[in-house]
Amino acid sequence: MSWVITTKTKPIIKPISISYNKLCYDDIDSIVLIEIQNSHNPWSKNQLVESILNLNNLCYSISINNQIIGFLLAMPTIDTADILNISINKDYQGKGYGKKLLHFLIKELKDRMIRQLILEVRVSNQAAISFYLKHSFEKISLRKNYYMINSKHPNQKEDGIIMRLKF
């Protein structure tokens, strides 16, 4: 005769700590890896460093348990800000972290009395376009032949869509 004993246990839930931090030079290696992972034509390390070190720019990371999983670079002006770059580690995409980072930026902009956010996106980047439309951005213009398709073929260009969010 055999006995089967079953016990009910609660699943172990590890709490996660989400934080938003101002980017600094020490974060560059994490940022470069995320950028390379997500872009066919990634920003160079120097471009990212210049943006982070520009004191006028708003440069933030989103971290889980002190590990950077995404970043956002924005350039504010008097009453408008431009998103220069936003990227989330592929392992964390589709889980709401891009939305959280965008909403963090919007709160920062509202605190600065900025009421409009502008960005440009490649027409081929349908995932990004869908993300922005889902978050109430509107398409306002088209820039013909704005983006280089890749560095190996500098004469091949693709259009960019200009999108805006008013808040």
Protein backbone atom coordinates (compact mmCIF):
# COMPACT_ATOMS: atom_id res chain seq x y z
CA MET A 1 0.00 0.00 0.00
CA SER A 2 1.31 3.46 -0.83
CA TRP A 3 0.27 6.80 0.47
CA VAL A 4 0.33 10.05 -1.43
CA ILE A 5 0.60 13.11 0.67
CA THR A 6 -0.11 16.46 -0.94
CA THR A 7 0.29 19.81 0.63
CA LYS A 8 -0.80 23.14 -0.63
CA THR A 9 1.81 25.83 -0.53
CA LYS A 10 1.74 29.42 -1.56
CA PRO A 11 3.96 30.31 -4.50
CA ILE A 12 7.06 32.22 -3.62
CA ILE A 13 6.76 35.76 -4.93
CA LYS A 14 9.91 37.77 -5.22
CA PRO A 15 9.24 41.47 -4.83
CA ILE A 16 10.70 43.61 -7.56
CA SER A 17 11.99 47.08 -7.12
CA ILE A 18 11.42 49.42 -10.07
CA SER A 19 13.38 52.66 -10.06
CA TYR A 20 13.93 55.59 -12.39
CA ASN A 21 17.33 57.23 -12.35
CA LYS A 22 19.12 60.02 -14.13
CA LEU A 23 21.60 58.47 -16.53
CA CYS A 24 25.29 59.10 -15.98
CA TYR A 25 28.47 58.12 -17.78
CA ASP A 26 28.84 54.98 -15.64
CA ASP A 27 25.60 53.63 -17.20
CA ILE A 28 26.90 53.81 -20.76
CA ASP A 29 27.81 50.13 -21.19
CA SER A 30 24.31 49.00 -20.18
CA ILE A 31 22.74 51.57 -22.49
CA VAL A 32 24.94 50.60 -25.45
CA LEU A 33 23.96 46.93 -25.08
CA ILE A 34 20.25 47.76 -25.07
CA GLU A 35 20.67 50.09 -28.06
CA ILE A 36 22.57 47.50 -30.11
CA GLN A 37 20.03 44.82 -29.19
CA ASN A 38 17.08 46.86 -30.46
CA SER A 39 18.25 48.86 -33.46
CA HIS A 40 19.32 47.96 -36.98
CA ASN A 41 21.09 51.31 -37.09
CA PRO A 42 22.09 51.91 -33.44
CA TRP A 43 23.42 55.12 -32.00
CA SER A 44 27.16 54.99 -31.45
CA LYS A 45 28.61 54.95 -27.96
CA ASN A 46 29.85 58.51 -28.56
CA GLN A 47 26.37 59.72 -29.57
CA LEU A 48 24.89 58.20 -26.42
CA VAL A 49 27.64 59.68 -24.22
CA GLU A 50 27.15 63.15 -25.75
CA SER A 51 23.41 62.99 -25.12
CA ILE A 52 23.84 61.84 -21.53
CA LEU A 53 26.48 64.45 -20.75
CA ASN A 54 24.42 67.29 -22.29
CA LEU A 55 23.03 69.00 -19.20
CA ASN A 56 20.02 70.30 -21.15
CA ASN A 57 18.80 66.79 -21.99
CA LEU A 58 16.58 64.64 -19.81
CA CYS A 59 18.18 61.20 -19.67
CA TYR A 60 16.64 58.47 -17.53
CA SER A 61 16.90 54.75 -16.99
CA ILE A 62 14.35 52.31 -15.70
CA SER A 63 15.83 49.59 -13.51
CA ILE A 64 14.57 46.44 -11.90
CA ASN A 65 16.41 45.41 -8.75
CA ASN A 66 19.19 47.86 -9.69
CA GLN A 67 19.65 46.42 -13.21
CA ILE A 68 19.03 48.85 -16.08
CA ILE A 69 16.40 47.43 -18.41
CA GLY A 70 15.69 50.53 -20.49
CA PHE A 71 16.47 54.16 -21.11
CA LEU A 72 15.02 57.33 -22.49
CA LEU A 73 16.73 60.44 -23.87
CA ALA A 74 14.72 63.62 -24.37
CA MET A 75 15.56 67.20 -25.26
CA PRO A 76 13.30 69.85 -23.71
CA THR A 77 12.85 73.34 -25.13
CA ILE A 78 10.68 76.17 -23.86
CA ASP A 79 7.29 74.43 -24.15
CA THR A 80 8.03 71.22 -26.07
CA ALA A 81 10.27 68.21 -25.62
CA ASP A 82 11.61 65.82 -28.22
CA ILE A 83 12.16 62.15 -27.50
CA LEU A 84 15.56 61.42 -28.99
CA ASN A 85 15.74 57.74 -28.12
CA ILE A 86 13.81 55.24 -26.02
CA SER A 87 14.63 51.57 -25.72
CA ILE A 88 13.75 48.62 -23.47
CA ASN A 89 15.79 45.42 -23.17
CA LYS A 90 14.18 42.75 -25.38
CA ASP A 91 13.63 40.44 -22.39
CA TYR A 92 11.40 43.08 -20.80
CA GLN A 93 9.48 44.32 -23.84
CA GLY A 94 5.71 43.94 -23.91
CA LYS A 95 5.48 44.01 -20.11
CA GLY A 96 4.60 47.68 -19.64
CA TYR A 97 8.08 49.03 -18.85
CA GLY A 98 8.18 51.30 -21.90
CA LYS A 99 4.84 52.74 -20.82
CA LYS A 100 6.13 53.27 -17.27
CA LEU A 101 9.23 55.07 -18.57
CA LEU A 102 7.16 57.24 -20.93
CA HIS A 103 4.77 58.18 -18.12
CA PHE A 104 7.71 59.04 -15.87
CA LEU A 105 8.99 61.41 -18.56
CA ILE A 106 5.56 63.00 -19.02
CA LYS A 107 5.32 63.68 -15.28
CA GLU A 108 8.78 65.31 -15.37
CA LEU A 109 7.75 67.44 -18.34
CA LYS A 110 4.50 68.54 -16.71
CA ASP A 111 6.50 69.61 -13.65
CA ARG A 112 8.54 71.81 -16.02
CA MET A 113 5.36 73.25 -17.57
CA ILE A 114 6.07 71.52 -20.89
CA ARG A 115 2.84 70.44 -22.54
CA GLN A 116 3.87 68.73 -25.77
CA LEU A 117 6.08 65.80 -26.70
CA ILE A 118 7.41 65.25 -30.24
CA LEU A 119 9.30 62.34 -31.78
CA GLU A 120 10.33 60.87 -35.10
CA VAL A 121 10.07 57.20 -35.94
CA ARG A 122 11.01 55.16 -39.00
CA VAL A 123 8.01 54.15 -41.12
CA SER A 124 9.30 50.57 -40.95
CA ASN A 125 9.22 50.53 -37.13
CA GLN A 126 5.62 49.37 -36.80
CA ALA A 127 6.07 48.21 -33.20
CA ALA A 128 7.11 51.71 -32.12
CA ILE A 129 4.37 53.38 -34.17
CA SER A 130 1.75 51.11 -32.57
CA PHE A 131 3.18 51.83 -29.11
CA TYR A 132 2.96 55.58 -29.60
CA LEU A 133 -0.52 55.49 -31.13
CA LYS A 134 -1.68 53.35 -28.21
CA HIS A 135 -0.40 56.08 -25.88
CA SER A 136 -2.35 58.88 -27.63
CA PHE A 137 0.36 60.22 -29.93
CA GLU A 138 -0.85 61.43 -33.31
CA LYS A 139 0.92 61.40 -36.64
CA ILE A 140 1.44 65.00 -37.69
CA SER A 141 3.94 64.93 -40.56
CA LEU A 142 6.19 62.85 -42.76
CA ARG A 143 9.89 63.48 -43.37
CA LYS A 144 10.80 62.04 -46.75
CA ASN A 145 14.10 60.15 -46.92
CA TYR A 146 14.97 61.16 -43.36
CA TYR A 147 16.64 57.98 -42.08
CA MET A 148 19.57 56.09 -43.57
CA ILE A 149 18.49 52.46 -43.91
CA ASN A 150 21.91 51.23 -42.81
CA SER A 151 25.48 52.43 -42.77
CA LYS A 152 26.52 50.00 -45.53
CA HIS A 153 24.17 51.74 -48.00
CA PRO A 154 24.19 55.43 -47.05
CA ASN A 155 22.22 56.42 -50.17
CA GLN A 156 19.26 54.20 -49.30
CA LYS A 157 16.84 56.20 -47.20
CA GLU A 158 13.50 55.68 -45.52
CA ASP A 159 10.83 58.12 -44.42
CA GLY A 160 10.29 59.24 -40.85
CA ILE A 161 6.94 59.90 -39.22
CA ILE A 162 6.72 62.86 -36.86
CA MET A 163 4.37 62.16 -33.96
CA ARG A 164 3.07 64.43 -31.21
CA LEU A 165 1.45 64.05 -27.83
CA LYS A 166 -0.26 67.05 -26.22
CA PHE A 167 -0.93 66.90 -22.50
